[in-house]
Amino acid sequence: MTDIKLQNTLYRHLIVGFSGHRNITNKHLIQKVIERELEKLKLEFTKITTISSVASGADTLFLSAANKQEIPTHIILPFEKKRFRNDFCTKDWLQAERLINRATDVKVNKSTGSHDCQHYLEAGLLTLKGCNILMTVWNGKPSKGLGGTGDIVAYARQIKKPLLIIDDETGYTTWSNWK
């Protein structure tokens, strides 16, 4: 790992959660960094599973990388598929639907919140709750709206969840809360 040796021998099965921005300027770079980091984790753990939503942008890059490496994917949808589809252009929805269809498991957040942002926040928190570490593609800034990557990173830090942050422009990686 980037300057950090994974020392926790209790976790032979690692669940990698993910949160990331929708608008990624250098998708090719970010895709390669995600693939590299998943490969590093595969060297340290006997089994890896992923958990994520499937929003356009970084989420789909992460899930595509997991599929490429034959890592099982568990997807949390913020809404039922029919409603979630409204948040995508046709091309992006087709990609998301392919990833949903390839997933080992798909759960729908059963939020009763009246605002979309509450559904996204709860899906992010479910991801965070279900993982051993959280990988993010993040710009280091607070979320523009409730439920964004900045909110999920802030909560991960608050509960001291091991966190791998990939800078959304440079691809530079930083670990925190990992011993």
Foldseek 3Di string as FASTA:
>chain_A
DVVDDFDDPVCLEFEEEEAEDQDFDCLVLLLVLLLVVVVVVVVVHVAYAYEYAQHHDPNLSNLVSCVVVVHAYEHEYLAPLVVSLVRDDPVSNVSSVVSVVRHPYYHYDPDPDPDSLVSLQVSLVVRLVPGQEYEYADQPDADPDRNHPNVSVVVCVVVLRWYWYQHSHPRDIDIGSGD
